[in-house]
Amino acid sequence: MTYPGLHARARPIAAACFRQTRRRLAHVREQEQQLDALRGFRQEMVKRTCERLRRETRLELRAMQKLLHTLFG
């Protein structure tokens, strides 16, 4: 995602934020794939945690996109 109006010094910071958020989302996906190996209460807790992290991460990503679009879009 590029924002032509974004100051040159801010671009690497914005890119790093997006990369970190996407990495965290990928990590959550990996954890969800490992759910089958768990049983009972532990499986339910991991499932809920993954859902919460996914929701928070997506909200964070949308907020960053909206902020950058508002400022420089």
PDB file of N, CA and C in Angstrom:
ATOM      1  N   MET A   1       0.845  -1.154   0.000  1.00  0.00           N
ATOM      2  CA  MET A   1       0.000   0.000   0.000  1.00  0.00           C
ATOM      3  C   MET A   1       0.900   1.228   0.000  1.00  0.00           C
ATOM      4  N   THR A   2       0.643   2.143  -0.904  1.00  0.00           N
ATOM      5  CA  THR A   2       1.480   3.332  -0.985  1.00  0.00           C
ATOM      6  C   THR A   2       0.636   4.576  -0.772  1.00  0.00           C
ATOM      7  N   TYR A   3       1.242   5.552  -0.159  1.00  0.00           N
ATOM      8  CA  TYR A   3       0.615   6.844   0.066  1.00  0.00           C
ATOM      9  C   TYR A   3       1.588   7.900  -0.435  1.00  0.00           C
ATOM     10  N   PRO A   4       1.346   8.432  -1.649  1.00  0.00           N
ATOM     11  CA  PRO A   4       2.296   9.369  -2.239  1.00  0.00           C
ATOM     12  C   PRO A   4       2.524  10.614  -1.389  1.00  0.00           C
ATOM     13  N   GLY A   5       1.528  11.057  -0.621  1.00  0.00           N
ATOM     14  CA  GLY A   5       1.681  12.251   0.189  1.00  0.00           C
ATOM     15  C   GLY A   5       2.399  12.012   1.503  1.00  0.00           C
ATOM     16  N   LEU A   6       2.706  10.756   1.795  1.00  0.00           N
ATOM     17  CA  LEU A   6       3.368  10.407   3.047  1.00  0.00           C
ATOM     18  C   LEU A   6       4.818  10.873   2.997  1.00  0.00           C
ATOM     19  N   HIS A   7       5.242  11.532   4.058  1.00  0.00           N
ATOM     20  CA  HIS A   7       6.613  12.036   4.126  1.00  0.00           C
ATOM     21  C   HIS A   7       7.589  10.869   3.972  1.00  0.00           C
ATOM     22  N   ALA A   8       8.684  11.116   3.294  1.00  0.00           N
ATOM     23  CA  ALA A   8       9.651  10.058   2.988  1.00  0.00           C
ATOM     24  C   ALA A   8      10.159   9.353   4.249  1.00  0.00           C
ATOM     25  N   ARG A   9      10.342  10.080   5.339  1.00  0.00           N
ATOM     26  CA  ARG A   9      10.830   9.464   6.570  1.00  0.00           C
ATOM     27  C   ARG A   9       9.757   8.613   7.251  1.00  0.00           C
ATOM     28  N   ALA A  10       8.502   8.906   6.978  1.00  0.00           N
ATOM     29  CA  ALA A  10       7.413   8.172   7.621  1.00  0.00           C
ATOM     30  C   ALA A  10       7.090   6.866   6.899  1.00  0.00           C
ATOM     31  N   ARG A  11       7.476   6.744   5.642  1.00  0.00           N
ATOM     32  CA  ARG A  11       7.148   5.533   4.875  1.00  0.00           C
ATOM     33  C   ARG A  11       7.702   4.249   5.479  1.00  0.00           C
ATOM     34  N   PRO A  12       8.979   4.206   5.872  1.00  0.00           N
ATOM     35  CA  PRO A  12       9.485   2.967   6.479  1.00  0.00           C
ATOM     36  C   PRO A  12       8.778   2.611   7.782  1.00  0.00           C
ATOM     37  N   ILE A  13       8.390   3.622   8.545  1.00  0.00           N
ATOM     38  CA  ILE A  13       7.692   3.370   9.807  1.00  0.00           C
ATOM     39  C   ILE A  13       6.315   2.789   9.538  1.00  0.00           C
ATOM     40  N   ALA A  14       5.596   3.384   8.597  1.00  0.00           N
ATOM     41  CA  ALA A  14       4.268   2.876   8.237  1.00  0.00           C
ATOM     42  C   ALA A  14       4.369   1.460   7.691  1.00  0.00           C
ATOM     43  N   ALA A  15       5.362   1.229   6.841  1.00  0.00           N
ATOM     44  CA  ALA A  15       5.545  -0.109   6.263  1.00  0.00           C
ATOM     45  C   ALA A  15       5.856  -1.129   7.359  1.00  0.00           C
ATOM     46  N   ALA A  16       6.687  -0.750   8.321  1.00  0.00           N
ATOM     47  CA  ALA A  16       7.034  -1.658   9.416  1.00  0.00           C
ATOM     48  C   ALA A  16       5.799  -1.987  10.262  1.00  0.00           C
ATOM     49  N   CYS A  17       4.950  -1.004  10.498  1.00  0.00           N
ATOM     50  CA  CYS A  17       3.722  -1.243  11.264  1.00  0.00           C
ATOM     51  C   CYS A  17       2.818  -2.235  10.546  1.00  0.00           C
ATOM     52  N   PHE A  18       2.653  -2.056   9.237  1.00  0.00           N
ATOM     53  CA  PHE A  18       1.820  -2.972   8.467  1.00  0.00           C
ATOM     54  C   PHE A  18       2.417  -4.373   8.452  1.00  0.00           C
ATOM     55  N   ARG A  19       3.741  -4.474   8.287  1.00  0.00           N
ATOM     56  CA  ARG A  19       4.397  -5.789   8.284  1.00  0.00           C
ATOM     57  C   ARG A  19       4.217  -6.499   9.615  1.00  0.00           C
ATOM     58  N   GLN A  20       4.413  -5.769  10.695  1.00  0.00           N
ATOM     59  CA  GLN A  20       4.275  -6.366  12.024  1.00  0.00           C
ATOM     60  C   GLN A  20       2.850  -6.853  12.254  1.00  0.00           C
ATOM     61  N   THR A  21       1.884  -6.067  11.851  1.00  0.00           N
ATOM     62  CA  THR A  21       0.490  -6.455  12.029  1.00  0.00           C
ATOM     63  C   THR A  21       0.157  -7.682  11.194  1.00  0.00           C
ATOM     64  N   ARG A  22       0.647  -7.728   9.973  1.00  0.00           N
ATOM     65  CA  ARG A  22       0.390  -8.886   9.117  1.00  0.00           C
ATOM     66  C   ARG A  22       1.087 -10.135   9.644  1.00  0.00           C
ATOM     67  N   ARG A  23       2.286  -9.978  10.210  1.00  0.00           N
ATOM     68  CA  ARG A  23       2.982 -11.124  10.815  1.00  0.00           C
ATOM     69  C   ARG A  23       2.187 -11.681  11.984  1.00  0.00           C
ATOM     70  N   ARG A  24       1.640 -10.776  12.796  1.00  0.00           N
ATOM     71  CA  ARG A  24       0.851 -11.216  13.938  1.00  0.00           C
ATOM     72  C   ARG A  24      -0.402 -11.964  13.479  1.00  0.00           C
ATOM     73  N   LEU A  25      -1.022 -11.493  12.409  1.00  0.00           N
ATOM     74  CA  LEU A  25      -2.186 -12.174  11.853  1.00  0.00           C
ATOM     75  C   LEU A  25      -1.802 -13.560  11.346  1.00  0.00           C
ATOM     76  N   ALA A  26      -0.638 -13.681  10.705  1.00  0.00           N
ATOM     77  CA  ALA A  26      -0.165 -14.985  10.235  1.00  0.00           C
ATOM     78  C   ALA A  26       0.104 -15.914  11.419  1.00  0.00           C
ATOM     79  N   HIS A  27       0.643 -15.375  12.497  1.00  0.00           N
ATOM     80  CA  HIS A  27       0.904 -16.182  13.691  1.00  0.00           C
ATOM     81  C   HIS A  27      -0.398 -16.719  14.279  1.00  0.00           C
ATOM     82  N   VAL A  28      -1.417 -15.887  14.309  1.00  0.00           N
ATOM     83  CA  VAL A  28      -2.723 -16.314  14.816  1.00  0.00           C
ATOM     84  C   VAL A  28      -3.272 -17.437  13.937  1.00  0.00           C
ATOM     85  N   ARG A  29      -3.129 -17.303  12.630  1.00  0.00           N
ATOM     86  CA  ARG A  29      -3.590 -18.364  11.715  1.00  0.00           C
ATOM     87  C   ARG A  29      -2.873 -19.682  11.987  1.00  0.00           C
ATOM     88  N   GLU A  30      -1.567 -19.625  12.238  1.00  0.00           N
ATOM     89  CA  GLU A  30      -0.801 -20.836  12.555  1.00  0.00           C
ATOM     90  C   GLU A  30      -1.312 -21.489  13.837  1.00  0.00           C
ATOM     91  N   GLN A  31      -1.591 -20.680  14.845  1.00  0.00           N
ATOM     92  CA  GLN A  31      -2.107 -21.216  16.105  1.00  0.00           C
ATOM     93  C   GLN A  31      -3.457 -21.886  15.895  1.00  0.00           C
ATOM     94  N   GLU A  32      -4.295 -21.291  15.056  1.00  0.00           N
ATOM     95  CA  GLU A  32      -5.608 -21.872  14.794  1.00  0.00           C
ATOM     96  C   GLU A  32      -5.482 -23.239  14.128  1.00  0.00           C
ATOM     97  N   GLN A  33      -4.467 -23.416  13.306  1.00  0.00           N
ATOM     98  CA  GLN A  33      -4.268 -24.703  12.632  1.00  0.00           C
ATOM     99  C   GLN A  33      -3.838 -25.785  13.621  1.00  0.00           C
ATOM    100  N   GLN A  34      -3.246 -25.406  14.727  1.00  0.00           N
ATOM    101  CA  GLN A  34      -2.783 -26.364  15.722  1.00  0.00           C
ATOM    102  C   GLN A  34      -3.868 -26.737  16.733  1.00  0.00           C
ATOM    103  N   LEU A  35      -5.064 -26.171  16.598  1.00  0.00           N
ATOM    104  CA  LEU A  35      -6.144 -26.424  17.553  1.00  0.00           C
ATOM    105  C   LEU A  35      -6.538 -27.896  17.642  1.00  0.00           C
ATOM    106  N   ASP A  36      -6.480 -28.626  16.545  1.00  0.00           N
ATOM    107  CA  ASP A  36      -6.898 -30.021  16.532  1.00  0.00           C
ATOM    108  C   ASP A  36      -6.084 -30.882  17.492  1.00  0.00           C
ATOM    109  N   ALA A  37      -4.843 -30.481  17.742  1.00  0.00           N
ATOM    110  CA  ALA A  37      -3.979 -31.269  18.619  1.00  0.00           C
ATOM    111  C   ALA A  37      -4.323 -31.075  20.099  1.00  0.00           C
ATOM    112  N   LEU A  38      -5.090 -30.052  20.409  1.00  0.00           N
ATOM    113  CA  LEU A  38      -5.422 -29.767  21.801  1.00  0.00           C
ATOM    114  C   LEU A  38      -6.768 -30.383  22.173  1.00  0.00           C
ATOM    115  N   ARG A  39      -7.020 -30.496  23.451  1.00  0.00           N
ATOM    116  CA  ARG A  39      -8.267 -31.114  23.925  1.00  0.00           C
ATOM    117  C   ARG A  39      -8.975 -30.224  24.952  1.00  0.00           C
ATOM    118  N   GLY A  40     -10.294 -30.292  24.953  1.00  0.00           N
ATOM    119  CA  GLY A  40     -11.131 -29.723  26.002  1.00  0.00           C
ATOM    120  C   GLY A  40     -10.948 -28.251  26.283  1.00  0.00           C
ATOM    121  N   PHE A  41     -10.753 -27.927  27.555  1.00  0.00           N
ATOM    122  CA  PHE A  41     -10.687 -26.550  28.028  1.00  0.00           C
ATOM    123  C   PHE A  41      -9.567 -25.779  27.351  1.00  0.00           C
ATOM    124  N   ARG A  42      -8.408 -26.404  27.241  1.00  0.00           N
ATOM    125  CA  ARG A  42      -7.257 -25.732  26.630  1.00  0.00           C
ATOM    126  C   ARG A  42      -7.560 -25.355  25.180  1.00  0.00           C
ATOM    127  N   GLN A  43      -8.203 -26.262  24.465  1.00  0.00           N
ATOM    128  CA  GLN A  43      -8.563 -25.994  23.072  1.00  0.00           C
ATOM    129  C   GLN A  43      -9.523 -24.804  22.992  1.00  0.00           C
ATOM    130  N   GLU A  44     -10.501 -24.772  23.888  1.00  0.00           N
ATOM    131  CA  GLU A  44     -11.472 -23.672  23.892  1.00  0.00           C
ATOM    132  C   GLU A  44     -10.793 -22.338  24.211  1.00  0.00           C
ATOM    133  N   MET A  45      -9.866 -22.333  25.164  1.00  0.00           N
ATOM    134  CA  MET A  45      -9.155 -21.100  25.517  1.00  0.00           C
ATOM    135  C   MET A  45      -8.290 -20.598  24.362  1.00  0.00           C
ATOM    136  N   VAL A  46      -7.593 -21.512  23.696  1.00  0.00           N
ATOM    137  CA  VAL A  46      -6.765 -21.108  22.550  1.00  0.00           C
ATOM    138  C   VAL A  46      -7.651 -20.586  21.432  1.00  0.00           C
ATOM    139  N   LYS A  47      -8.774 -21.243  21.221  1.00  0.00           N
ATOM    140  CA  LYS A  47      -9.698 -20.805  20.174  1.00  0.00           C
ATOM    141  C   LYS A  47     -10.196 -19.387  20.440  1.00  0.00           C
ATOM    142  N   ARG A  48     -10.613 -19.131  21.670  1.00  0.00           N
ATOM    143  CA  ARG A  48     -11.103 -17.788  22.024  1.00  0.00           C
ATOM    144  C   ARG A  48     -10.004 -16.745  21.926  1.00  0.00           C
ATOM    145  N   THR A  49      -8.804 -17.113  22.359  1.00  0.00           N
ATOM    146  CA  THR A  49      -7.679 -16.181  22.278  1.00  0.00           C
ATOM    147  C   THR A  49      -7.357 -15.849  20.825  1.00  0.00           C
ATOM    148  N   CYS A  50      -7.360 -16.844  19.971  1.00  0.00           N
ATOM    149  CA  CYS A  50      -7.089 -16.619  18.543  1.00  0.00           C
ATOM    150  C   CYS A  50      -8.141 -15.700  17.931  1.00  0.00           C
ATOM    151  N   GLU A  51      -9.394 -15.942  18.269  1.00  0.00           N
ATOM    152  CA  GLU A  51     -10.465 -15.092  17.743  1.00  0.00           C
ATOM    153  C   GLU A  51     -10.295 -13.649  18.195  1.00  0.00           C
ATOM    154  N   ARG A  52      -9.948 -13.465  19.473  1.00  0.00           N
ATOM    155  CA  ARG A  52      -9.759 -12.114  20.004  1.00  0.00           C
ATOM    156  C   ARG A  52      -8.571 -11.419  19.341  1.00  0.00           C
ATOM    157  N   LEU A  53      -7.446 -12.140  19.226  1.00  0.00           N
ATOM    158  CA  LEU A  53      -6.265 -11.556  18.595  1.00  0.00           C
ATOM    159  C   LEU A  53      -6.514 -11.203  17.142  1.00  0.00           C
ATOM    160  N   ARG A  54      -7.223 -12.083  16.445  1.00  0.00           N
ATOM    161  CA  ARG A  54      -7.539 -11.819  15.038  1.00  0.00           C
ATOM    162  C   ARG A  54      -8.392 -10.558  14.912  1.00  0.00           C
ATOM    163  N   ARG A  55      -9.405 -10.445  15.760  1.00  0.00           N
ATOM    164  CA  ARG A  55     -10.294  -9.283  15.730  1.00  0.00           C
ATOM    165  C   ARG A  55      -9.507  -8.005  16.042  1.00  0.00           C
ATOM    166  N   GLU A  56      -8.692  -8.043  17.102  1.00  0.00           N
ATOM    167  CA  GLU A  56      -7.905  -6.867  17.483  1.00  0.00           C
ATOM    168  C   GLU A  56      -6.906  -6.478  16.400  1.00  0.00           C
ATOM    169  N   THR A  57      -6.280  -7.474  15.800  1.00  0.00           N
ATOM    170  CA  THR A  57      -5.284  -7.200  14.765  1.00  0.00           C
ATOM    171  C   THR A  57      -5.930  -6.578  13.546  1.00  0.00           C
ATOM    172  N   ARG A  58      -7.071  -7.111  13.143  1.00  0.00           N
ATOM    173  CA  ARG A  58      -7.763  -6.536  11.984  1.00  0.00           C
ATOM    174  C   ARG A  58      -8.236  -5.117  12.260  1.00  0.00           C
ATOM    175  N   LEU A  59      -8.724  -4.860  13.472  1.00  0.00           N
ATOM    176  CA  LEU A  59      -9.131  -3.507  13.829  1.00  0.00           C
ATOM    177  C   LEU A  59      -7.938  -2.557  13.798  1.00  0.00           C
ATOM    178  N   GLU A  60      -6.807  -3.025  14.294  1.00  0.00           N
ATOM    179  CA  GLU A  60      -5.593  -2.214  14.291  1.00  0.00           C
ATOM    180  C   GLU A  60      -5.156  -1.910  12.860  1.00  0.00           C
ATOM    181  N   LEU A  61      -5.208  -2.895  11.993  1.00  0.00           N
ATOM    182  CA  LEU A  61      -4.819  -2.705  10.595  1.00  0.00           C
ATOM    183  C   LEU A  61      -5.749  -1.706   9.913  1.00  0.00           C
ATOM    184  N   ARG A  62      -7.052  -1.854  10.130  1.00  0.00           N
ATOM    185  CA  ARG A  62      -8.017  -0.910   9.539  1.00  0.00           C
ATOM    186  C   ARG A  62      -7.795   0.503  10.062  1.00  0.00           C
ATOM    187  N   ALA A  63      -7.506   0.623  11.359  1.00  0.00           N
ATOM    188  CA  ALA A  63      -7.274   1.949  11.939  1.00  0.00           C
ATOM    189  C   ALA A  63      -6.039   2.599  11.330  1.00  0.00           C
ATOM    190  N   MET A  64      -4.975   1.826  11.138  1.00  0.00           N
ATOM    191  CA  MET A  64      -3.766   2.375  10.511  1.00  0.00           C
ATOM    192  C   MET A  64      -4.052   2.812   9.088  1.00  0.00           C
ATOM    193  N   GLN A  65      -4.789   1.990   8.338  1.00  0.00           N
ATOM    194  CA  GLN A  65      -5.124   2.338   6.954  1.00  0.00           C
ATOM    195  C   GLN A  65      -5.969   3.604   6.914  1.00  0.00           C
ATOM    196  N   LYS A  66      -6.956   3.688   7.792  1.00  0.00           N
ATOM    197  CA  LYS A  66      -7.828   4.849   7.823  1.00  0.00           C
ATOM    198  C   LYS A  66      -7.054   6.121   8.193  1.00  0.00           C
ATOM    199  N   LEU A  67      -6.173   5.996   9.183  1.00  0.00           N
ATOM    200  CA  LEU A  67      -5.370   7.151   9.595  1.00  0.00           C
ATOM    201  C   LEU A  67      -4.473   7.621   8.462  1.00  0.00           C
ATOM    202  N   LEU A  68      -3.770   6.700   7.827  1.00  0.00           N
ATOM    203  CA  LEU A  68      -2.888   7.086   6.717  1.00  0.00           C
ATOM    204  C   LEU A  68      -3.691   7.674   5.564  1.00  0.00           C
ATOM    205  N   HIS A  69      -4.849   7.089   5.287  1.00  0.00           N
ATOM    206  CA  HIS A  69      -5.678   7.615   4.210  1.00  0.00           C
ATOM    207  C   HIS A  69      -6.169   9.009   4.535  1.00  0.00           C
ATOM    208  N   THR A  70      -6.568   9.238   5.790  1.00  0.00           N
ATOM    209  CA  THR A  70      -7.046  10.549   6.218  1.00  0.00           C
ATOM    210  C   THR A  70      -5.934  11.588   6.144  1.00  0.00           C
ATOM    211  N   LEU A  71      -4.754  11.211   6.588  1.00  0.00           N
ATOM    212  CA  LEU A  71      -3.647  12.149   6.619  1.00  0.00           C
ATOM    213  C   LEU A  71      -3.041  12.416   5.247  1.00  0.00           C
ATOM    214  N   PHE A  72      -2.918  11.365   4.447  1.00  0.00           N
ATOM    215  CA  PHE A  72      -2.143  11.503   3.216  1.00  0.00           C
ATOM    216  C   PHE A  72      -2.856  11.033   1.958  1.00  0.00           C
ATOM    217  N   GLY A  73      -4.070  10.526   2.092  1.00  0.00           N
ATOM    218  CA  GLY A  73      -4.762   9.936   0.956  1.00  0.00           C
ATOM    219  C   GLY A  73      -5.391  10.952   0.104  1.00  0.00           C
TER     220      GLY A  73
END
